[in-house]
């Protein structure tokens, strides 16, 4: 049975740009686009700065009833009591995340273009799976591509929400949603 929290993985899934956090811009974005889920993705900051930024973003997300997810860093997610964590291929395991964050934590898994990886993630208790890049992406230009057909196929064997990522904007989001995505991740389309 899907929890209320996981049911909120719909519509636009906002991911913060990898740079200094502009709280006012993020607040406006959450309101303007009715963002139900926000992921903090910051590769180039030290731990102290990440803690300051995520603490502020956590409060902002609570005020707007927006789920708050941390990219890659289970310990940071625990420190700020985030709703969950998003893990890539070389990050910690789903079980390690659940052990630290609890069984109710949202655990998202990058599955690139691999349906078997998504099935395995679902079996291990992932809350959602992400496929991409669906379109050419300036954020990760070398990312493997994932055709919309893969999303459509995945939808027939995956019961948890599917998030499409990579080059998604307001012109092509409908294609991703029609293919079977429950949510579409956007960075540049909403923050630049």
Protein backbone atom coordinates (compact mmCIF):
# COMPACT_ATOMS: atom_id res chain seq x y z
CA UNK A 1 0.00 0.00 0.00
CA UNK A 2 1.35 3.41 -0.99
CA UNK A 3 1.68 5.94 1.79
CA UNK A 4 0.29 9.46 1.53
CA UNK A 5 3.86 10.74 1.37
CA UNK A 6 4.74 8.69 -1.72
CA UNK A 7 1.45 9.71 -3.35
CA UNK A 8 2.83 13.28 -3.33
CA UNK A 9 5.45 12.24 -5.91
CA UNK A 10 3.47 13.80 -8.76
CA UNK A 11 3.83 16.72 -11.14
CA UNK A 12 7.02 18.75 -11.05
CA UNK A 13 9.88 17.39 -8.96
CA UNK A 14 12.22 20.37 -8.48
CA UNK A 15 15.96 19.84 -8.09
CA UNK A 16 18.11 22.70 -6.80
CA UNK A 17 20.90 23.92 -9.08
CA UNK A 18 24.45 23.10 -7.97
CA UNK A 19 25.30 26.55 -6.66
CA UNK A 20 24.50 28.95 -3.82
CA UNK A 21 20.91 28.54 -2.66
CA UNK A 22 18.56 31.46 -3.31
CA UNK A 23 15.78 30.88 -0.77
CA UNK A 24 13.51 33.58 -2.20
CA UNK A 25 13.78 32.11 -5.68
CA UNK A 26 13.05 28.61 -4.39
CA UNK A 27 10.08 29.88 -2.34
CA UNK A 28 8.63 31.56 -5.46
CA UNK A 29 9.26 28.46 -7.56
CA UNK A 30 7.50 26.19 -5.05
CA UNK A 31 4.46 28.49 -5.02
CA UNK A 32 4.39 29.32 -8.73
CA UNK A 33 4.66 25.72 -9.95
CA UNK A 34 2.94 24.00 -7.01
CA UNK A 35 6.06 21.92 -6.34
CA UNK A 36 5.24 18.84 -4.26
CA UNK A 37 8.80 17.57 -3.97
CA UNK A 38 12.16 19.38 -3.78
CA UNK A 39 15.55 17.71 -3.99
CA UNK A 40 18.69 19.39 -2.65
CA UNK A 41 21.52 18.48 -5.03
CA UNK A 42 24.76 20.22 -4.21
CA UNK A 43 28.05 18.62 -5.19
CA UNK A 44 30.40 21.55 -4.68
CA UNK A 45 29.89 22.80 -1.12
CA UNK A 46 31.45 21.81 2.20
CA UNK A 47 29.51 19.99 4.90
CA UNK A 48 28.93 23.05 7.09
CA UNK A 49 27.42 25.06 4.24
CA UNK A 50 25.27 22.11 3.13
CA UNK A 51 23.91 21.81 6.68
CA UNK A 52 23.01 25.52 6.78
CA UNK A 53 21.35 25.41 3.36
CA UNK A 54 19.42 22.20 3.98
CA UNK A 55 18.19 23.40 7.38
CA UNK A 56 16.70 26.50 5.72
CA UNK A 57 15.26 24.48 2.83
CA UNK A 58 13.73 21.95 5.24
CA UNK A 59 11.86 24.77 7.02
CA UNK A 60 10.72 26.21 3.70
CA UNK A 61 9.45 22.81 2.55
CA UNK A 62 7.57 22.28 5.82
CA UNK A 63 5.86 25.67 5.40
CA UNK A 64 4.75 24.72 1.87
CA UNK A 65 3.90 21.04 2.58
CA UNK A 66 6.59 20.08 0.05
CA UNK A 67 8.54 16.84 0.43
CA UNK A 68 12.25 17.46 0.99
CA UNK A 69 14.77 15.00 -0.45
CA UNK A 70 18.56 15.11 -0.16
CA UNK A 71 20.69 13.85 -3.05
CA UNK A 72 23.24 11.14 -2.13
CA UNK A 73 23.86 12.09 1.52
CA UNK A 74 21.98 9.88 4.00
CA UNK A 75 23.73 11.44 7.02
CA UNK A 76 22.74 14.97 5.96
CA UNK A 77 19.17 13.78 5.37
CA UNK A 78 19.10 12.43 8.91
CA UNK A 79 20.59 15.61 10.43
CA UNK A 80 17.91 17.88 8.95
CA UNK A 81 15.08 15.34 9.26
CA UNK A 82 14.50 15.36 5.49
CA UNK A 83 11.65 13.28 4.10
CA UNK A 84 14.16 11.09 2.33
CA UNK A 85 17.16 10.63 0.10
CA UNK A 86 17.84 10.05 -3.59
CA UNK A 87 20.56 7.53 -4.38
CA UNK A 88 22.54 6.90 -7.56
CA UNK A 89 24.38 3.81 -8.76
CA UNK A 90 27.48 4.40 -6.63
CA UNK A 91 25.74 5.68 -3.49
CA UNK A 92 24.65 3.80 -0.37
CA UNK A 93 22.15 0.96 -0.46
CA UNK A 94 18.41 1.25 0.09
CA UNK A 95 18.79 -0.82 3.26
CA UNK A 96 21.51 1.47 4.63
CA UNK A 97 19.23 4.46 4.00
CA UNK A 98 16.28 2.77 5.73
CA UNK A 99 18.49 1.75 8.66
CA UNK A 100 19.52 5.36 9.26
CA UNK A 101 16.37 7.25 8.20
CA UNK A 102 13.67 4.76 9.22
CA UNK A 103 11.21 2.69 7.22
CA UNK A 104 8.98 5.69 6.48
CA UNK A 105 11.74 7.62 4.71
CA UNK A 106 11.36 8.19 0.99
CA UNK A 107 14.14 6.44 -0.89
CA UNK A 108 14.50 7.31 -4.57
CA UNK A 109 16.79 5.38 -6.87
CA UNK A 110 18.35 6.42 -10.18
CA UNK A 111 17.71 3.65 -12.69
CA UNK A 112 19.03 5.43 -15.81
CA UNK A 113 17.47 3.30 -18.59
CA UNK A 114 17.48 -0.06 -16.78
CA UNK A 115 14.08 -1.61 -16.00
CA UNK A 116 15.70 -4.54 -14.16
CA UNK A 117 17.45 -2.08 -11.85
CA UNK A 118 14.05 -0.46 -11.18
CA UNK A 119 12.44 -3.83 -10.44
CA UNK A 120 15.28 -4.65 -8.05
CA UNK A 121 14.97 -1.25 -6.35
CA UNK A 122 11.22 -1.72 -5.92
CA UNK A 123 11.81 -5.19 -4.46
CA UNK A 124 14.35 -3.73 -1.99
CA UNK A 125 11.85 -1.14 -0.79
CA UNK A 126 12.52 1.96 -2.89
CA UNK A 127 9.76 4.60 -2.76
CA UNK A 128 10.23 5.73 -6.35
CA UNK A 129 12.55 5.16 -9.31
CA UNK A 130 14.01 7.76 -11.66
CA UNK A 131 14.72 7.17 -15.35
CA UNK A 132 16.72 9.41 -17.67
CA UNK A 133 18.04 11.33 -19.34
CA UNK A 134 14.79 11.49 -21.28
CA UNK A 135 15.95 14.48 -23.35
CA UNK A 136 19.30 16.21 -23.93
CA UNK A 137 20.40 17.67 -20.59
CA UNK A 138 22.72 20.61 -20.02
CA UNK A 139 23.10 19.59 -16.34
CA UNK A 140 24.49 16.15 -17.20
CA UNK A 141 25.40 16.25 -20.92
CA UNK A 142 27.10 12.82 -20.77
CA UNK A 143 24.24 11.06 -18.98
CA UNK A 144 22.97 7.86 -20.60
CA UNK A 145 19.77 8.41 -22.53
CA UNK A 146 16.49 6.71 -21.79
CA UNK A 147 13.78 6.47 -24.42
CA UNK A 148 10.17 7.20 -23.55
CA UNK A 149 9.43 3.59 -24.60
CA UNK A 150 11.46 2.41 -21.58
CA UNK A 151 9.16 4.47 -19.33
CA UNK A 152 6.07 2.94 -20.95
CA UNK A 153 7.49 -0.57 -20.49
CA UNK A 154 8.56 0.16 -16.89
CA UNK A 155 5.05 1.35 -16.06
CA UNK A 156 3.73 -2.16 -16.77
CA UNK A 157 6.06 -3.81 -14.21
CA UNK A 158 6.70 -1.07 -11.62
CA UNK A 159 4.09 -0.20 -8.98
CA UNK A 160 5.96 2.68 -7.30
CA UNK A 161 6.10 6.20 -8.81
CA UNK A 162 8.33 6.81 -11.81
CA UNK A 163 10.19 10.10 -12.07
CA UNK A 164 11.53 11.22 -15.44
CA UNK A 165 14.70 13.31 -15.43
CA UNK A 166 17.03 14.92 -17.93
CA UNK A 167 16.32 17.87 -20.17
CA UNK A 168 12.66 18.11 -19.16
CA UNK A 169 11.00 21.50 -19.60
CA UNK A 170 7.51 22.90 -20.05
CA UNK A 171 7.55 22.09 -23.78
CA UNK A 172 8.29 18.37 -23.43
CA UNK A 173 7.01 17.46 -19.95
CA UNK A 174 3.69 16.23 -21.39
CA UNK A 175 5.54 13.62 -23.49
CA UNK A 176 7.20 12.25 -20.34
CA UNK A 177 3.92 12.20 -18.40
CA UNK A 178 2.05 10.51 -21.25
CA UNK A 179 4.79 7.87 -21.49
CA UNK A 180 4.09 6.94 -17.86
CA UNK A 181 6.09 9.25 -15.59
CA UNK A 182 4.28 10.18 -12.38
CA UNK A 183 6.57 13.18 -11.88
CA UNK A 184 9.07 15.09 -13.99
CA UNK A 185 12.29 16.44 -12.55
CA UNK A 186 13.29 19.95 -13.56
CA UNK A 187 16.33 22.04 -12.73
CA UNK A 188 17.12 24.55 -15.47
CA UNK A 189 13.55 24.92 -16.73
CA UNK A 190 12.39 26.34 -13.39
CA UNK A 191 15.55 27.83 -11.83
CA UNK A 192 17.18 29.67 -14.76
